[in-house]
Each structure stands twice: as structure tokens, then as C-alpha cells.
Amino acid sequence: MAERLKDAVVLLTGAGGGIGTALTEALLEAGVAEIISAGRDHPPAHARVTLETVDVTDLSAVKALAQRCAERVTVAIACAGVNANQRLFTPGFETAARREMEVNYFGLLNLAAAFA
């Protein structure tokens, strides 16, 4: 798999979270040419990481990102996610659940729609 990633340009949403940071490190180790960290939080600075701030829940913003960088992106990885760790039927659970769906589900769909 590392051979297939060598010299690739990877768009990675959610690169600043725990899983995203680990993915960033693994991708850099695999020899990717560049990681475009697209999201609200970003991994630690690295020469081969380019930062793009985007809200994955905003389809027009994700489409604008695709217009800026789709020609050079060879791999897109959706890793953005939120987990409110909130029990159902507690005060405010609807807001937390809606945010989780917006990021975890619709954010992924937005990325796929913009880059497909």
C-alpha cells in the first residue's frame, strides 16, 4: 500500500484529531508528497502539510475547496468527526445529535459530492 501512496497528494479532513494526527504521521512516513489538511483543526506543522480551513458541513465551502485543489488531489480521506458523548433524552441531546449527523454523515457526503 505504501508504494501506492508514494508521491500522492492526500486531502485529509479531520487531520487535527487523534485518528487524523495518527493518519497524518503514517501518510508522511509512507512518502506522500503533500497532505492537504482540510478542516477546523490541524495536525502539528510539517513541511509537507498544507492547511485549508473548511467546515465540512457547508457544501458550498467544500465545493470551493474542491475547485481550489481537486486537480492535484489523488486521494481524499474523510476523517472529520464529532462525538458529543451525550445520552439520549437528556437536556440538549437533540442539538448534540444533530451536530454529530451534520459532521459525521453529511460532512462525508459533502466531501464525496465535491470531489467525486
PDB file of N, CA and C in Angstrom:
ATOM      1  N   MET A   1       0.818  -1.193   0.000  1.00  0.00           N
ATOM      2  CA  MET A   1       0.000   0.000   0.000  1.00  0.00           C
ATOM      3  C   MET A   1       0.867   1.264   0.000  1.00  0.00           C
ATOM      4  N   ALA A   2       1.988   1.235   0.707  1.00  0.00           N
ATOM      5  CA  ALA A   2       2.846   2.411   0.785  1.00  0.00           C
ATOM      6  C   ALA A   2       3.327   2.834  -0.599  1.00  0.00           C
ATOM      7  N   GLU A   3       3.560   1.860  -1.500  1.00  0.00           N
ATOM      8  CA  GLU A   3       4.007   2.201  -2.849  1.00  0.00           C
ATOM      9  C   GLU A   3       2.951   3.023  -3.575  1.00  0.00           C
ATOM     10  N   ARG A   4       1.680   2.706  -3.333  1.00  0.00           N
ATOM     11  CA  ARG A   4       0.596   3.411  -3.996  1.00  0.00           C
ATOM     12  C   ARG A   4       0.441   4.831  -3.461  1.00  0.00           C
ATOM     13  N   LEU A   5       0.881   5.071  -2.245  1.00  0.00           N
ATOM     14  CA  LEU A   5       0.762   6.403  -1.645  1.00  0.00           C
ATOM     15  C   LEU A   5       1.979   7.278  -1.922  1.00  0.00           C
ATOM     16  N   LYS A   6       3.079   6.677  -2.296  1.00  0.00           N
ATOM     17  CA  LYS A   6       4.305   7.442  -2.526  1.00  0.00           C
ATOM     18  C   LYS A   6       4.037   8.520  -3.570  1.00  0.00           C
ATOM     19  N   ASP A   7       4.379   9.731  -3.232  1.00  0.00           N
ATOM     20  CA  ASP A   7       4.230  10.910  -4.081  1.00  0.00           C
ATOM     21  C   ASP A   7       2.775  11.333  -4.313  1.00  0.00           C
ATOM     22  N   ALA A   8       1.812  10.750  -3.606  1.00  0.00           N
ATOM     23  CA  ALA A   8       0.407  11.146  -3.738  1.00  0.00           C
ATOM     24  C   ALA A   8       0.171  12.482  -3.029  1.00  0.00           C
ATOM     25  N   VAL A   9      -0.864  13.156  -3.447  1.00  0.00           N
ATOM     26  CA  VAL A   9      -1.346  14.341  -2.743  1.00  0.00           C
ATOM     27  C   VAL A   9      -2.648  13.927  -2.084  1.00  0.00           C
ATOM     28  N   VAL A  10      -2.677  13.966  -0.756  1.00  0.00           N
ATOM     29  CA  VAL A  10      -3.802  13.458   0.018  1.00  0.00           C
ATOM     30  C   VAL A  10      -4.564  14.611   0.662  1.00  0.00           C
ATOM     31  N   LEU A  11      -5.862  14.659   0.427  1.00  0.00           N
ATOM     32  CA  LEU A  11      -6.728  15.585   1.139  1.00  0.00           C
ATOM     33  C   LEU A  11      -7.264  14.821   2.343  1.00  0.00           C
ATOM     34  N   LEU A  12      -7.055  15.356   3.533  1.00  0.00           N
ATOM     35  CA  LEU A  12      -7.459  14.677   4.761  1.00  0.00           C
ATOM     36  C   LEU A  12      -8.284  15.624   5.619  1.00  0.00           C
ATOM     37  N   THR A  13      -9.564  15.287   5.802  1.00  0.00           N
ATOM     38  CA  THR A  13     -10.381  16.072   6.722  1.00  0.00           C
ATOM     39  C   THR A  13     -10.214  15.485   8.114  1.00  0.00           C
ATOM     40  N   GLY A  14     -10.300  16.328   9.126  1.00  0.00           N
ATOM     41  CA  GLY A  14     -10.173  15.848  10.498  1.00  0.00           C
ATOM     42  C   GLY A  14      -8.749  15.484  10.876  1.00  0.00           C
ATOM     43  N   ALA A  15      -7.787  16.080  10.206  1.00  0.00           N
ATOM     44  CA  ALA A  15      -6.387  15.721  10.427  1.00  0.00           C
ATOM     45  C   ALA A  15      -5.870  16.126  11.804  1.00  0.00           C
ATOM     46  N   GLY A  16      -6.553  17.033  12.485  1.00  0.00           N
ATOM     47  CA  GLY A  16      -6.077  17.501  13.774  1.00  0.00           C
ATOM     48  C   GLY A  16      -6.545  16.683  14.962  1.00  0.00           C
ATOM     49  N   GLY A  17      -7.461  15.737  14.747  1.00  0.00           N
ATOM     50  CA  GLY A  17      -7.922  14.886  15.842  1.00  0.00           C
ATOM     51  C   GLY A  17      -6.933  13.768  16.111  1.00  0.00           C
ATOM     52  N   GLY A  18      -7.273  12.914  17.044  1.00  0.00           N
ATOM     53  CA  GLY A  18      -6.373  11.819  17.408  1.00  0.00           C
ATOM     54  C   GLY A  18      -6.128  10.861  16.266  1.00  0.00           C
ATOM     55  N   ILE A  19      -7.197  10.388  15.620  1.00  0.00           N
ATOM     56  CA  ILE A  19      -7.050   9.478  14.485  1.00  0.00           C
ATOM     57  C   ILE A  19      -6.419  10.217  13.314  1.00  0.00           C
ATOM     58  N   GLY A  20      -6.842  11.446  13.068  1.00  0.00           N
ATOM     59  CA  GLY A  20      -6.292  12.232  11.961  1.00  0.00           C
ATOM     60  C   GLY A  20      -4.813  12.503  12.116  1.00  0.00           C
ATOM     61  N   THR A  21      -4.376  12.786  13.333  1.00  0.00           N
ATOM     62  CA  THR A  21      -2.951  13.016  13.571  1.00  0.00           C
ATOM     63  C   THR A  21      -2.154  11.742  13.310  1.00  0.00           C
ATOM     64  N   ALA A  22      -2.681  10.600  13.763  1.00  0.00           N
ATOM     65  CA  ALA A  22      -2.003   9.320  13.511  1.00  0.00           C
ATOM     66  C   ALA A  22      -1.958   9.024  12.014  1.00  0.00           C
ATOM     67  N   LEU A  23      -3.049   9.307  11.301  1.00  0.00           N
ATOM     68  CA  LEU A  23      -3.072   9.119   9.851  1.00  0.00           C
ATOM     69  C   LEU A  23      -2.062  10.027   9.165  1.00  0.00           C
ATOM     70  N   THR A  24      -1.985  11.265   9.603  1.00  0.00           N
ATOM     71  CA  THR A  24      -1.021  12.208   9.040  1.00  0.00           C
ATOM     72  C   THR A  24       0.391  11.659   9.170  1.00  0.00           C
ATOM     73  N   GLU A  25       0.736  11.195  10.365  1.00  0.00           N
ATOM     74  CA  GLU A  25       2.075  10.642  10.584  1.00  0.00           C
ATOM     75  C   GLU A  25       2.333   9.429   9.692  1.00  0.00           C
ATOM     76  N   ALA A  26       1.347   8.538   9.581  1.00  0.00           N
ATOM     77  CA  ALA A  26       1.505   7.337   8.750  1.00  0.00           C
ATOM     78  C   ALA A  26       1.630   7.704   7.271  1.00  0.00           C
ATOM     79  N   LEU A  27       0.852   8.670   6.820  1.00  0.00           N
ATOM     80  CA  LEU A  27       0.918   9.085   5.423  1.00  0.00           C
ATOM     81  C   LEU A  27       2.261   9.729   5.099  1.00  0.00           C
ATOM     82  N   LEU A  28       2.753  10.564   5.997  1.00  0.00           N
ATOM     83  CA  LEU A  28       4.064  11.175   5.788  1.00  0.00           C
ATOM     84  C   LEU A  28       5.153  10.105   5.741  1.00  0.00           C
ATOM     85  N   GLU A  29       5.050   9.149   6.626  1.00  0.00           N
ATOM     86  CA  GLU A  29       6.012   8.047   6.654  1.00  0.00           C
ATOM     87  C   GLU A  29       5.938   7.208   5.376  1.00  0.00           C
ATOM     88  N   ALA A  30       4.737   7.092   4.803  1.00  0.00           N
ATOM     89  CA  ALA A  30       4.548   6.329   3.569  1.00  0.00           C
ATOM     90  C   ALA A  30       5.079   7.070   2.343  1.00  0.00           C
ATOM     91  N   GLY A  31       5.443   8.338   2.518  1.00  0.00           N
ATOM     92  CA  GLY A  31       6.063   9.078   1.431  1.00  0.00           C
ATOM     93  C   GLY A  31       5.144   9.918   0.572  1.00  0.00           C
ATOM     94  N   VAL A  32       3.975  10.300   1.101  1.00  0.00           N
ATOM     95  CA  VAL A  32       3.120  11.166   0.306  1.00  0.00           C
ATOM     96  C   VAL A  32       3.836  12.483   0.034  1.00  0.00           C
ATOM     97  N   ALA A  33       3.534  13.064  -1.120  1.00  0.00           N
ATOM     98  CA  ALA A  33       4.159  14.327  -1.486  1.00  0.00           C
ATOM     99  C   ALA A  33       3.616  15.480  -0.646  1.00  0.00           C
ATOM    100  N   GLU A  34       2.312  15.424  -0.386  1.00  0.00           N
ATOM    101  CA  GLU A  34       1.663  16.522   0.340  1.00  0.00           C
ATOM    102  C   GLU A  34       0.385  16.009   0.978  1.00  0.00           C
ATOM    103  N   ILE A  35       0.078  16.553   2.142  1.00  0.00           N
ATOM    104  CA  ILE A  35      -1.213  16.344   2.786  1.00  0.00           C
ATOM    105  C   ILE A  35      -1.894  17.699   2.861  1.00  0.00           C
ATOM    106  N   ILE A  36      -3.078  17.769   2.327  1.00  0.00           N
ATOM    107  CA  ILE A  36      -3.881  18.974   2.471  1.00  0.00           C
ATOM    108  C   ILE A  36      -4.809  18.717   3.650  1.00  0.00           C
ATOM    109  N   SER A  37      -4.505  19.353   4.760  1.00  0.00           N
ATOM    110  CA  SER A  37      -5.290  19.208   5.978  1.00  0.00           C
ATOM    111  C   SER A  37      -6.479  20.144   5.862  1.00  0.00           C
ATOM    112  N   ALA A  38      -7.654  19.563   5.615  1.00  0.00           N
ATOM    113  CA  ALA A  38      -8.852  20.353   5.379  1.00  0.00           C
ATOM    114  C   ALA A  38      -9.811  20.171   6.542  1.00  0.00           C
ATOM    115  N   GLY A  39     -10.048  21.229   7.261  1.00  0.00           N
ATOM    116  CA  GLY A  39     -10.959  21.151   8.388  1.00  0.00           C
ATOM    117  C   GLY A  39     -10.837  22.364   9.274  1.00  0.00           C
ATOM    118  N   ARG A  40     -11.212  22.183  10.527  1.00  0.00           N
ATOM    119  CA  ARG A  40     -11.131  23.278  11.501  1.00  0.00           C
ATOM    120  C   ARG A  40      -9.921  23.147  12.389  1.00  0.00           C
ATOM    121  N   ASP A  41      -9.490  21.923  12.633  1.00  0.00           N
ATOM    122  CA  ASP A  41      -8.306  21.669  13.460  1.00  0.00           C
ATOM    123  C   ASP A  41      -7.261  21.003  12.577  1.00  0.00           C
ATOM    124  N   HIS A  42      -6.009  21.260  12.863  1.00  0.00           N
ATOM    125  CA  HIS A  42      -4.946  20.761  12.011  1.00  0.00           C
ATOM    126  C   HIS A  42      -3.889  20.029  12.836  1.00  0.00           C
ATOM    127  N   PRO A  43      -3.154  19.114  12.192  1.00  0.00           N
ATOM    128  CA  PRO A  43      -2.090  18.384  12.891  1.00  0.00           C
ATOM    129  C   PRO A  43      -0.911  19.319  13.127  1.00  0.00           C
ATOM    130  N   PRO A  44       0.091  18.851  13.863  1.00  0.00           N
ATOM    131  CA  PRO A  44       1.289  19.675  14.058  1.00  0.00           C
ATOM    132  C   PRO A  44       1.906  20.067  12.716  1.00  0.00           C
ATOM    133  N   ALA A  45       2.562  21.209  12.688  1.00  0.00           N
ATOM    134  CA  ALA A  45       3.154  21.738  11.456  1.00  0.00           C
ATOM    135  C   ALA A  45       4.175  20.763  10.873  1.00  0.00           C
ATOM    136  N   HIS A  46       4.171  20.681   9.564  1.00  0.00           N
ATOM    137  CA  HIS A  46       5.132  19.857   8.841  1.00  0.00           C
ATOM    138  C   HIS A  46       5.285  20.466   7.454  1.00  0.00           C
ATOM    139  N   ALA A  47       6.457  20.366   6.871  1.00  0.00           N
ATOM    140  CA  ALA A  47       6.728  20.972   5.572  1.00  0.00           C
ATOM    141  C   ALA A  47       5.822  20.439   4.464  1.00  0.00           C
ATOM    142  N   ARG A  48       5.377  19.204   4.568  1.00  0.00           N
ATOM    143  CA  ARG A  48       4.538  18.617   3.520  1.00  0.00           C
ATOM    144  C   ARG A  48       3.048  18.665   3.850  1.00  0.00           C
ATOM    145  N   VAL A  49       2.677  19.451   4.859  1.00  0.00           N
ATOM    146  CA  VAL A  49       1.262  19.599   5.212  1.00  0.00           C
ATOM    147  C   VAL A  49       0.819  21.025   4.900  1.00  0.00           C
ATOM    148  N   THR A  50      -0.186  21.129   4.050  1.00  0.00           N
ATOM    149  CA  THR A  50      -0.778  22.408   3.685  1.00  0.00           C
ATOM    150  C   THR A  50      -2.104  22.525   4.426  1.00  0.00           C
ATOM    151  N   LEU A  51      -2.362  23.684   4.996  1.00  0.00           N
ATOM    152  CA  LEU A  51      -3.575  23.876   5.788  1.00  0.00           C
ATOM    153  C   LEU A  51      -4.661  24.561   4.962  1.00  0.00           C
ATOM    154  N   GLU A  52      -5.838  24.001   5.004  1.00  0.00           N
ATOM    155  CA  GLU A  52      -7.040  24.589   4.398  1.00  0.00           C
ATOM    156  C   GLU A  52      -8.130  24.533   5.451  1.00  0.00           C
ATOM    157  N   THR A  53      -8.655  25.667   5.830  1.00  0.00           N
ATOM    158  CA  THR A  53      -9.735  25.684   6.811  1.00  0.00           C
ATOM    159  C   THR A  53     -11.053  25.584   6.072  1.00  0.00           C
ATOM    160  N   VAL A  54     -11.851  24.580   6.437  1.00  0.00           N
ATOM    161  CA  VAL A  54     -13.148  24.382   5.797  1.00  0.00           C
ATOM    162  C   VAL A  54     -14.082  23.714   6.794  1.00  0.00           C
ATOM    163  N   ASP A  55     -15.336  24.086   6.720  1.00  0.00           N
ATOM    164  CA  ASP A  55     -16.379  23.455   7.516  1.00  0.00           C
ATOM    165  C   ASP A  55     -17.008  22.383   6.640  1.00  0.00           C
ATOM    166  N   VAL A  56     -16.784  21.113   6.959  1.00  0.00           N
ATOM    167  CA  VAL A  56     -17.272  20.030   6.104  1.00  0.00           C
ATOM    168  C   VAL A  56     -18.797  19.973   6.042  1.00  0.00           C
ATOM    169  N   THR A  57     -19.481  20.641   6.959  1.00  0.00           N
ATOM    170  CA  THR A  57     -20.946  20.643   6.940  1.00  0.00           C
ATOM    171  C   THR A  57     -21.507  21.657   5.949  1.00  0.00           C
ATOM    172  N   ASP A  58     -20.652  22.481   5.386  1.00  0.00           N
ATOM    173  CA  ASP A  58     -21.052  23.525   4.446  1.00  0.00           C
ATOM    174  C   ASP A  58     -20.672  23.079   3.033  1.00  0.00           C
ATOM    175  N   LEU A  59     -21.644  22.568   2.284  1.00  0.00           N
ATOM    176  CA  LEU A  59     -21.372  22.026   0.955  1.00  0.00           C
ATOM    177  C   LEU A  59     -20.717  23.048   0.044  1.00  0.00           C
ATOM    178  N   SER A  60     -21.161  24.298   0.080  1.00  0.00           N
ATOM    179  CA  SER A  60     -20.565  25.308  -0.803  1.00  0.00           C
ATOM    180  C   SER A  60     -19.098  25.540  -0.452  1.00  0.00           C
ATOM    181  N   ALA A  61     -18.747  25.483   0.826  1.00  0.00           N
ATOM    182  CA  ALA A  61     -17.347  25.635   1.235  1.00  0.00           C
ATOM    183  C   ALA A  61     -16.507  24.443   0.782  1.00  0.00           C
ATOM    184  N   VAL A  62     -17.073  23.245   0.862  1.00  0.00           N
ATOM    185  CA  VAL A  62     -16.351  22.049   0.423  1.00  0.00           C
ATOM    186  C   VAL A  62     -16.181  22.072  -1.092  1.00  0.00           C
ATOM    187  N   LYS A  63     -17.200  22.526  -1.820  1.00  0.00           N
ATOM    188  CA  LYS A  63     -17.086  22.648  -3.277  1.00  0.00           C
ATOM    189  C   LYS A  63     -16.030  23.687  -3.652  1.00  0.00           C
ATOM    190  N   ALA A  64     -15.963  24.787  -2.907  1.00  0.00           N
ATOM    191  CA  ALA A  64     -14.939  25.805  -3.167  1.00  0.00           C
ATOM    192  C   ALA A  64     -13.541  25.221  -2.929  1.00  0.00           C
ATOM    193  N   LEU A  65     -13.396  24.421  -1.889  1.00  0.00           N
ATOM    194  CA  LEU A  65     -12.124  23.739  -1.631  1.00  0.00           C
ATOM    195  C   LEU A  65     -11.779  22.821  -2.799  1.00  0.00           C
ATOM    196  N   ALA A  66     -12.745  22.087  -3.299  1.00  0.00           N
ATOM    197  CA  ALA A  66     -12.509  21.186  -4.426  1.00  0.00           C
ATOM    198  C   ALA A  66     -12.068  21.966  -5.663  1.00  0.00           C
ATOM    199  N   GLN A  67     -12.665  23.132  -5.898  1.00  0.00           N
ATOM    200  CA  GLN A  67     -12.260  23.952  -7.037  1.00  0.00           C
ATOM    201  C   GLN A  67     -10.820  24.417  -6.900  1.00  0.00           C
ATOM    202  N   ARG A  68     -10.387  24.687  -5.664  1.00  0.00           N
ATOM    203  CA  ARG A  68      -9.017  25.160  -5.436  1.00  0.00           C
ATOM    204  C   ARG A  68      -7.976  24.062  -5.587  1.00  0.00           C
ATOM    205  N   CYS A  69      -8.322  22.827  -5.214  1.00  0.00           N
ATOM    206  CA  CYS A  69      -7.258  21.823  -5.136  1.00  0.00           C
ATOM    207  C   CYS A  69      -7.561  20.467  -5.742  1.00  0.00           C
ATOM    208  N   ALA A  70      -8.724  20.262  -6.324  1.00  0.00           N
ATOM    209  CA  ALA A  70      -9.087  18.928  -6.822  1.00  0.00           C
ATOM    210  C   ALA A  70      -8.151  18.421  -7.902  1.00  0.00           C
ATOM    211  N   GLU A  71      -7.613  19.309  -8.737  1.00  0.00           N
ATOM    212  CA  GLU A  71      -6.739  18.868  -9.820  1.00  0.00           C
ATOM    213  C   GLU A  71      -5.484  18.173  -9.322  1.00  0.00           C
ATOM    214  N   ARG A  72      -5.004  18.559  -8.147  1.00  0.00           N
ATOM    215  CA  ARG A  72      -3.770  17.938  -7.657  1.00  0.00           C
ATOM    216  C   ARG A  72      -4.013  16.836  -6.622  1.00  0.00           C
ATOM    217  N   VAL A  73      -5.242  16.706  -6.116  1.00  0.00           N
ATOM    218  CA  VAL A  73      -5.546  15.680  -5.113  1.00  0.00           C
ATOM    219  C   VAL A  73      -5.691  14.317  -5.790  1.00  0.00           C
ATOM    220  N   THR A  74      -4.949  13.330  -5.272  1.00  0.00           N
ATOM    221  CA  THR A  74      -5.047  11.969  -5.808  1.00  0.00           C
ATOM    222  C   THR A  74      -5.791  11.038  -4.861  1.00  0.00           C
ATOM    223  N   VAL A  75      -5.854  11.397  -3.588  1.00  0.00           N
ATOM    224  CA  VAL A  75      -6.550  10.592  -2.581  1.00  0.00           C
ATOM    225  C   VAL A  75      -7.283  11.533  -1.642  1.00  0.00           C
ATOM    226  N   ALA A  76      -8.548  11.239  -1.347  1.00  0.00           N
ATOM    227  CA  ALA A  76      -9.303  12.016  -0.353  1.00  0.00           C
ATOM    228  C   ALA A  76      -9.717  11.070   0.767  1.00  0.00           C
ATOM    229  N   ILE A  77      -9.429  11.488   2.005  1.00  0.00           N
ATOM    230  CA  ILE A  77      -9.764  10.687   3.180  1.00  0.00           C
ATOM    231  C   ILE A  77     -10.628  11.534   4.103  1.00  0.00           C
ATOM    232  N   ALA A  78     -11.825  11.042   4.399  1.00  0.00           N
ATOM    233  CA  ALA A  78     -12.736  11.734   5.311  1.00  0.00           C
ATOM    234  C   ALA A  78     -12.529  11.184   6.715  1.00  0.00           C
ATOM    235  N   CYS A  79     -12.004  12.024   7.586  1.00  0.00           N
ATOM    236  CA  CYS A  79     -11.734  11.598   8.954  1.00  0.00           C
ATOM    237  C   CYS A  79     -12.347  12.570   9.965  1.00  0.00           C
ATOM    238  N   ALA A  80     -13.029  13.594   9.473  1.00  0.00           N
ATOM    239  CA  ALA A  80     -13.641  14.569  10.374  1.00  0.00           C
ATOM    240  C   ALA A  80     -14.782  13.901  11.141  1.00  0.00           C
ATOM    241  N   GLY A  81     -14.871  14.181  12.394  1.00  0.00           N
ATOM    242  CA  GLY A  81     -15.947  13.606  13.178  1.00  0.00           C
ATOM    243  C   GLY A  81     -16.074  14.253  14.535  1.00  0.00           C
ATOM    244  N   VAL A  82     -17.262  14.162  15.075  1.00  0.00           N
ATOM    245  CA  VAL A  82     -17.512  14.643  16.437  1.00  0.00           C
ATOM    246  C   VAL A  82     -18.307  13.585  17.187  1.00  0.00           C
ATOM    247  N   ASN A  83     -18.138  13.572  18.485  1.00  0.00           N
ATOM    248  CA  ASN A  83     -18.891  12.678  19.347  1.00  0.00           C
ATOM    249  C   ASN A  83     -19.183  13.441  20.635  1.00  0.00           C
ATOM    250  N   ALA A  84     -20.443  13.768  20.833  1.00  0.00           N
ATOM    251  CA  ALA A  84     -20.816  14.559  21.996  1.00  0.00           C
ATOM    252  C   ALA A  84     -20.840  13.737  23.279  1.00  0.00           C
ATOM    253  N   ASN A  85     -20.804  12.408  23.144  1.00  0.00           N
ATOM    254  CA  ASN A  85     -20.879  11.541  24.323  1.00  0.00           C
ATOM    255  C   ASN A  85     -22.046  11.929  25.221  1.00  0.00           C
ATOM    256  N   GLN A  86     -23.164  12.175  24.598  1.00  0.00           N
ATOM    257  CA  GLN A  86     -24.344  12.606  25.358  1.00  0.00           C
ATOM    258  C   GLN A  86     -25.422  11.535  25.273  1.00  0.00           C
ATOM    259  N   ARG A  87     -26.011  11.242  26.401  1.00  0.00           N
ATOM    260  CA  ARG A  87     -27.079  10.243  26.451  1.00  0.00           C
ATOM    261  C   ARG A  87     -28.333  10.780  25.778  1.00  0.00           C
ATOM    262  N   LEU A  88     -29.082   9.854  25.205  1.00  0.00           N
ATOM    263  CA  LEU A  88     -30.357  10.235  24.610  1.00  0.00           C
ATOM    264  C   LEU A  88     -31.326  10.725  25.684  1.00  0.00           C
ATOM    265  N   PHE A  89     -32.150  11.645  25.294  1.00  0.00           N
ATOM    266  CA  PHE A  89     -33.230  12.172  26.125  1.00  0.00           C
ATOM    267  C   PHE A  89     -32.757  12.940  27.351  1.00  0.00           C
ATOM    268  N   THR A  90     -31.490  13.383  27.332  1.00  0.00           N
ATOM    269  CA  THR A  90     -31.030  14.322  28.348  1.00  0.00           C
ATOM    270  C   THR A  90     -31.159  15.718  27.749  1.00  0.00           C
ATOM    271  N   PRO A  91     -31.215  16.750  28.574  1.00  0.00           N
ATOM    272  CA  PRO A  91     -31.374  18.097  28.020  1.00  0.00           C
ATOM    273  C   PRO A  91     -30.285  18.415  26.987  1.00  0.00           C
ATOM    274  N   GLY A  92     -30.726  18.872  25.828  1.00  0.00           N
ATOM    275  CA  GLY A  92     -29.800  19.262  24.769  1.00  0.00           C
ATOM    276  C   GLY A  92     -29.348  18.131  23.856  1.00  0.00           C
ATOM    277  N   PHE A  93     -29.863  16.920  24.060  1.00  0.00           N
ATOM    278  CA  PHE A  93     -29.384  15.801  23.248  1.00  0.00           C
ATOM    279  C   PHE A  93     -29.683  15.997  21.766  1.00  0.00           C
ATOM    280  N   GLU A  94     -30.796  16.688  21.441  1.00  0.00           N
ATOM    281  CA  GLU A  94     -31.142  16.878  20.037  1.00  0.00           C
ATOM    282  C   GLU A  94     -30.078  17.706  19.320  1.00  0.00           C
ATOM    283  N   THR A  95     -29.604  18.743  19.971  1.00  0.00           N
ATOM    284  CA  THR A  95     -28.579  19.595  19.373  1.00  0.00           C
ATOM    285  C   THR A  95     -27.294  18.813  19.165  1.00  0.00           C
ATOM    286  N   ALA A  96     -26.901  18.034  20.165  1.00  0.00           N
ATOM    287  CA  ALA A  96     -25.678  17.235  20.057  1.00  0.00           C
ATOM    288  C   ALA A  96     -25.815  16.182  18.952  1.00  0.00           C
ATOM    289  N   ALA A  97     -26.947  15.524  18.883  1.00  0.00           N
ATOM    290  CA  ALA A  97     -27.161  14.508  17.859  1.00  0.00           C
ATOM    291  C   ALA A  97     -27.166  15.126  16.466  1.00  0.00           C
ATOM    292  N   ARG A  98     -27.780  16.279  16.332  1.00  0.00           N
ATOM    293  CA  ARG A  98     -27.822  16.968  15.044  1.00  0.00           C
ATOM    294  C   ARG A  98     -26.413  17.348  14.590  1.00  0.00           C
ATOM    295  N   ARG A  99     -25.580  17.829  15.507  1.00  0.00           N
ATOM    296  CA  ARG A  99     -24.198  18.198  15.167  1.00  0.00           C
ATOM    297  C   ARG A  99     -23.406  16.961  14.729  1.00  0.00           C
ATOM    298  N   GLU A 100     -23.581  15.858  15.439  1.00  0.00           N
ATOM    299  CA  GLU A 100     -22.901  14.623  15.060  1.00  0.00           C
ATOM    300  C   GLU A 100     -23.295  14.202  13.645  1.00  0.00           C
ATOM    301  N   MET A 101     -24.581  14.265  13.325  1.00  0.00           N
ATOM    302  CA  MET A 101     -25.048  13.894  11.987  1.00  0.00           C
ATOM    303  C   MET A 101     -24.519  14.851  10.922  1.00  0.00           C
ATOM    304  N   GLU A 102     -24.517  16.127  11.235  1.00  0.00           N
ATOM    305  CA  GLU A 102     -24.018  17.123  10.274  1.00  0.00           C
ATOM    306  C   GLU A 102     -22.561  16.858   9.911  1.00  0.00           C
ATOM    307  N   VAL A 103     -21.726  16.611  10.913  1.00  0.00           N
ATOM    308  CA  VAL A 103     -20.292  16.397  10.655  1.00  0.00           C
ATOM    309  C   VAL A 103     -20.027  14.981  10.165  1.00  0.00           C
ATOM    310  N   ASN A 104     -20.486  13.984  10.915  1.00  0.00           N
ATOM    311  CA  ASN A 104     -20.105  12.594  10.648  1.00  0.00           C
ATOM    312  C   ASN A 104     -20.775  12.005   9.414  1.00  0.00           C
ATOM    313  N   TYR A 105     -21.974  12.430   9.100  1.00  0.00           N
ATOM    314  CA  TYR A 105     -22.703  11.866   7.966  1.00  0.00           C
ATOM    315  C   TYR A 105     -22.711  12.832   6.779  1.00  0.00           C
ATOM    316  N   PHE A 106     -23.289  14.011   6.979  1.00  0.00           N
ATOM    317  CA  PHE A 106     -23.396  14.944   5.866  1.00  0.00           C
ATOM    318  C   PHE A 106     -22.039  15.513   5.456  1.00  0.00           C
ATOM    319  N   GLY A 107     -21.117  15.665   6.393  1.00  0.00           N
ATOM    320  CA  GLY A 107     -19.772  16.102   6.038  1.00  0.00           C
ATOM    321  C   GLY A 107     -19.101  15.142   5.077  1.00  0.00           C
ATOM    322  N   LEU A 108     -19.251  13.842   5.342  1.00  0.00           N
ATOM    323  CA  LEU A 108     -18.712  12.817   4.447  1.00  0.00           C
ATOM    324  C   LEU A 108     -19.388  12.897   3.076  1.00  0.00           C
ATOM    325  N   LEU A 109     -20.705  13.040   3.049  1.00  0.00           N
ATOM    326  CA  LEU A 109     -21.423  13.160   1.786  1.00  0.00           C
ATOM    327  C   LEU A 109     -20.985  14.407   1.018  1.00  0.00           C
ATOM    328  N   ASN A 110     -20.778  15.513   1.719  1.00  0.00           N
ATOM    329  CA  ASN A 110     -20.326  16.739   1.066  1.00  0.00           C
ATOM    330  C   ASN A 110     -18.957  16.543   0.421  1.00  0.00           C
ATOM    331  N   LEU A 111     -18.058  15.892   1.126  1.00  0.00           N
ATOM    332  CA  LEU A 111     -16.730  15.630   0.586  1.00  0.00           C
ATOM    333  C   LEU A 111     -16.837  14.757  -0.670  1.00  0.00           C
ATOM    334  N   ALA A 112     -17.628  13.709  -0.599  1.00  0.00           N
ATOM    335  CA  ALA A 112     -17.805  12.818  -1.744  1.00  0.00           C
ATOM    336  C   ALA A 112     -18.433  13.563  -2.923  1.00  0.00           C
ATOM    337  N   ALA A 113     -19.437  14.386  -2.659  1.00  0.00           N
ATOM    338  CA  ALA A 113     -20.110  15.122  -3.735  1.00  0.00           C
ATOM    339  C   ALA A 113     -19.162  16.118  -4.403  1.00  0.00           C
ATOM    340  N   ALA A 114     -18.340  16.758  -3.624  1.00  0.00           N
ATOM    341  CA  ALA A 114     -17.451  17.794  -4.171  1.00  0.00           C
ATOM    342  C   ALA A 114     -16.273  17.213  -4.933  1.00  0.00           C
ATOM    343  N   PHE A 115     -15.770  16.061  -4.500  1.00  0.00           N
ATOM    344  CA  PHE A 115     -14.563  15.506  -5.112  1.00  0.00           C
ATOM    345  C   PHE A 115     -14.832  14.339  -6.057  1.00  0.00           C
ATOM    346  N   ALA A 116     -16.057  13.840  -6.107  1.00  0.00           N
ATOM    347  CA  ALA A 116     -16.351  12.684  -6.972  1.00  0.00           C
ATOM    348  C   ALA A 116     -16.380  13.099  -8.433  1.00  0.00           C
TER     349      ALA A 116
END
